Amino acid sequence: MQQSNNRAWSREIPNRLNFSQEQVVYFLGHSLRSLYDDIVAVDMPEHLKRLALKLEEKYPP
């Protein structure tokens, strides 16, 4: 019984998604910045605020 190579078809399909490293870095940078901005814009839950205050009291900056 011969084994067929299930991935042989993938070599026949041309890859049309060719990005330069600069494009990838640009895209990832903007995606991360957008995610960061969204997270920072959300109010911190009260239980986390209380925990942060306790930690600041115990370990002053």
N, C-alpha and C. Protein backbone atom coordinates (compact mmCIF):
# COMPACT_ATOMS: atom_id res chain seq x y z
N MET A 1 0.84 -1.18 0.00
CA MET A 1 0.00 0.00 0.00
C MET A 1 0.88 1.24 0.00
N GLN A 2 0.66 2.12 -0.93
CA GLN A 2 1.44 3.34 -1.01
C GLN A 2 0.85 4.42 -0.12
N GLN A 3 1.76 5.17 0.50
CA GLN A 3 1.31 6.31 1.29
C GLN A 3 1.21 7.52 0.37
N SER A 4 0.08 8.20 0.45
CA SER A 4 -0.04 9.41 -0.35
C SER A 4 0.39 10.60 0.50
N ASN A 5 0.98 11.55 -0.15
CA ASN A 5 1.40 12.75 0.55
C ASN A 5 0.23 13.72 0.55
N ASN A 6 -0.42 13.85 1.71
CA ASN A 6 -1.61 14.70 1.83
C ASN A 6 -1.30 16.18 1.64
N ARG A 7 -0.05 16.55 1.76
CA ARG A 7 0.31 17.96 1.64
C ARG A 7 0.83 18.32 0.25
N ALA A 8 0.83 17.39 -0.66
CA ALA A 8 1.35 17.66 -2.00
C ALA A 8 0.54 18.74 -2.69
N TRP A 9 -0.75 18.77 -2.48
CA TRP A 9 -1.60 19.77 -3.12
C TRP A 9 -1.24 21.19 -2.69
N SER A 10 -0.71 21.34 -1.46
CA SER A 10 -0.41 22.68 -0.96
C SER A 10 0.74 23.32 -1.73
N ARG A 11 1.62 22.52 -2.30
CA ARG A 11 2.73 23.06 -3.07
C ARG A 11 2.27 23.58 -4.43
N GLU A 12 1.13 23.10 -4.90
CA GLU A 12 0.62 23.50 -6.20
C GLU A 12 -0.15 24.81 -6.14
N ILE A 13 -0.59 25.22 -4.95
CA ILE A 13 -1.36 26.45 -4.81
C ILE A 13 -0.39 27.60 -4.60
N PRO A 14 -0.41 28.60 -5.49
CA PRO A 14 0.52 29.73 -5.30
C PRO A 14 0.13 30.56 -4.09
N ASN A 15 1.12 31.05 -3.40
CA ASN A 15 0.89 31.91 -2.25
C ASN A 15 0.84 33.35 -2.74
N ARG A 16 -0.34 33.94 -2.67
CA ARG A 16 -0.51 35.32 -3.14
C ARG A 16 -0.30 36.32 -2.01
N LEU A 17 -0.10 35.85 -0.80
CA LEU A 17 0.08 36.75 0.34
C LEU A 17 1.56 36.86 0.66
N ASN A 18 2.22 37.74 -0.03
CA ASN A 18 3.64 37.97 0.20
C ASN A 18 3.81 39.36 0.80
N PHE A 19 4.18 39.41 2.07
CA PHE A 19 4.35 40.67 2.77
C PHE A 19 5.82 40.88 3.09
N SER A 20 6.26 42.11 3.00
CA SER A 20 7.62 42.42 3.40
C SER A 20 7.67 42.49 4.93
N GLN A 21 8.86 42.42 5.47
CA GLN A 21 9.01 42.51 6.91
C GLN A 21 8.52 43.87 7.42
N GLU A 22 8.74 44.92 6.66
CA GLU A 22 8.28 46.25 7.05
C GLU A 22 6.76 46.31 7.13
N GLN A 23 6.08 45.67 6.19
CA GLN A 23 4.63 45.66 6.20
C GLN A 23 4.10 44.89 7.41
N VAL A 24 4.73 43.78 7.72
CA VAL A 24 4.31 42.97 8.87
C VAL A 24 4.52 43.75 10.16
N VAL A 25 5.67 44.38 10.31
CA VAL A 25 5.96 45.17 11.51
C VAL A 25 4.97 46.32 11.63
N TYR A 26 4.68 46.98 10.53
CA TYR A 26 3.72 48.09 10.53
C TYR A 26 2.33 47.60 10.97
N PHE A 27 1.88 46.51 10.39
CA PHE A 27 0.56 45.96 10.71
C PHE A 27 0.48 45.52 12.17
N LEU A 28 1.48 44.78 12.63
CA LEU A 28 1.48 44.32 14.02
C LEU A 28 1.57 45.49 14.99
N GLY A 29 2.39 46.47 14.68
CA GLY A 29 2.53 47.63 15.54
C GLY A 29 1.22 48.38 15.70
N HIS A 30 0.53 48.59 14.60
CA HIS A 30 -0.75 49.30 14.67
C HIS A 30 -1.81 48.46 15.36
N SER A 31 -1.79 47.16 15.16
CA SER A 31 -2.75 46.29 15.83
C SER A 31 -2.52 46.29 17.33
N LEU A 32 -1.27 46.20 17.75
CA LEU A 32 -0.96 46.22 19.18
C LEU A 32 -1.29 47.56 19.80
N ARG A 33 -1.01 48.66 19.09
CA ARG A 33 -1.33 50.00 19.60
C ARG A 33 -2.84 50.14 19.79
N SER A 34 -3.61 49.66 18.85
CA SER A 34 -5.07 49.74 18.93
C SER A 34 -5.59 48.93 20.11
N LEU A 35 -5.05 47.73 20.29
CA LEU A 35 -5.45 46.89 21.42
C LEU A 35 -5.08 47.55 22.74
N TYR A 36 -3.88 48.10 22.83
CA TYR A 36 -3.43 48.79 24.04
C TYR A 36 -4.34 49.98 24.35
N ASP A 37 -4.66 50.78 23.34
CA ASP A 37 -5.53 51.94 23.54
C ASP A 37 -6.91 51.52 24.04
N ASP A 38 -7.43 50.42 23.51
CA ASP A 38 -8.73 49.93 23.95
C ASP A 38 -8.69 49.48 25.41
N ILE A 39 -7.62 48.81 25.80
CA ILE A 39 -7.50 48.32 27.18
C ILE A 39 -7.34 49.47 28.15
N VAL A 40 -6.54 50.46 27.79
CA VAL A 40 -6.30 51.60 28.67
C VAL A 40 -7.57 52.44 28.84
N ALA A 41 -8.41 52.48 27.81
CA ALA A 41 -9.62 53.30 27.85
C ALA A 41 -10.69 52.73 28.78
N VAL A 42 -10.62 51.45 29.08
CA VAL A 42 -11.63 50.80 29.93
C VAL A 42 -11.31 51.08 31.39
N ASP A 43 -12.36 51.39 32.16
CA ASP A 43 -12.17 51.61 33.60
C ASP A 43 -11.76 50.32 34.29
N MET A 44 -10.88 50.46 35.28
CA MET A 44 -10.44 49.31 36.05
C MET A 44 -11.58 48.89 37.00
N PRO A 45 -11.87 47.60 37.10
CA PRO A 45 -12.90 47.14 38.03
C PRO A 45 -12.55 47.52 39.47
N GLU A 46 -13.58 47.75 40.28
CA GLU A 46 -13.39 48.21 41.65
C GLU A 46 -12.51 47.26 42.47
N HIS A 47 -12.70 45.95 42.32
CA HIS A 47 -11.90 45.01 43.11
C HIS A 47 -10.41 45.11 42.76
N LEU A 48 -10.11 45.42 41.50
CA LEU A 48 -8.70 45.58 41.12
C LEU A 48 -8.14 46.92 41.61
N LYS A 49 -8.99 47.95 41.65
CA LYS A 49 -8.56 49.24 42.20
C LYS A 49 -8.20 49.08 43.68
N ARG A 50 -9.06 48.36 44.43
CA ARG A 50 -8.78 48.14 45.85
C ARG A 50 -7.49 47.35 46.04
N LEU A 51 -7.29 46.34 45.21
CA LEU A 51 -6.07 45.54 45.29
C LEU A 51 -4.84 46.40 44.99
N ALA A 52 -4.93 47.25 43.98
CA ALA A 52 -3.80 48.12 43.62
C ALA A 52 -3.49 49.08 44.76
N LEU A 53 -4.52 49.62 45.42
CA LEU A 53 -4.29 50.52 46.55
C LEU A 53 -3.60 49.79 47.71
N LYS A 54 -4.03 48.56 47.98
CA LYS A 54 -3.40 47.77 49.04
C LYS A 54 -1.93 47.52 48.73
N LEU A 55 -1.65 47.18 47.48
CA LEU A 55 -0.26 46.93 47.09
C LEU A 55 0.58 48.19 47.19
N GLU A 56 0.01 49.34 46.81
CA GLU A 56 0.76 50.60 46.92
C GLU A 56 1.03 50.95 48.38
N GLU A 57 0.09 50.64 49.27
CA GLU A 57 0.31 50.91 50.69
C GLU A 57 1.40 49.99 51.25
N LYS A 58 1.36 48.73 50.82
CA LYS A 58 2.34 47.76 51.33
C LYS A 58 3.72 47.98 50.72
N TYR A 59 3.76 48.31 49.45
CA TYR A 59 5.02 48.50 48.73
C TYR A 59 5.01 49.88 48.06
N PRO A 60 5.30 50.94 48.82
CA PRO A 60 5.27 52.28 48.22
C PRO A 60 6.31 52.42 47.10
N PRO A 61 5.97 53.22 46.08
CA PRO A 61 6.90 53.39 44.95
C PRO A 61 8.17 54.11 45.34
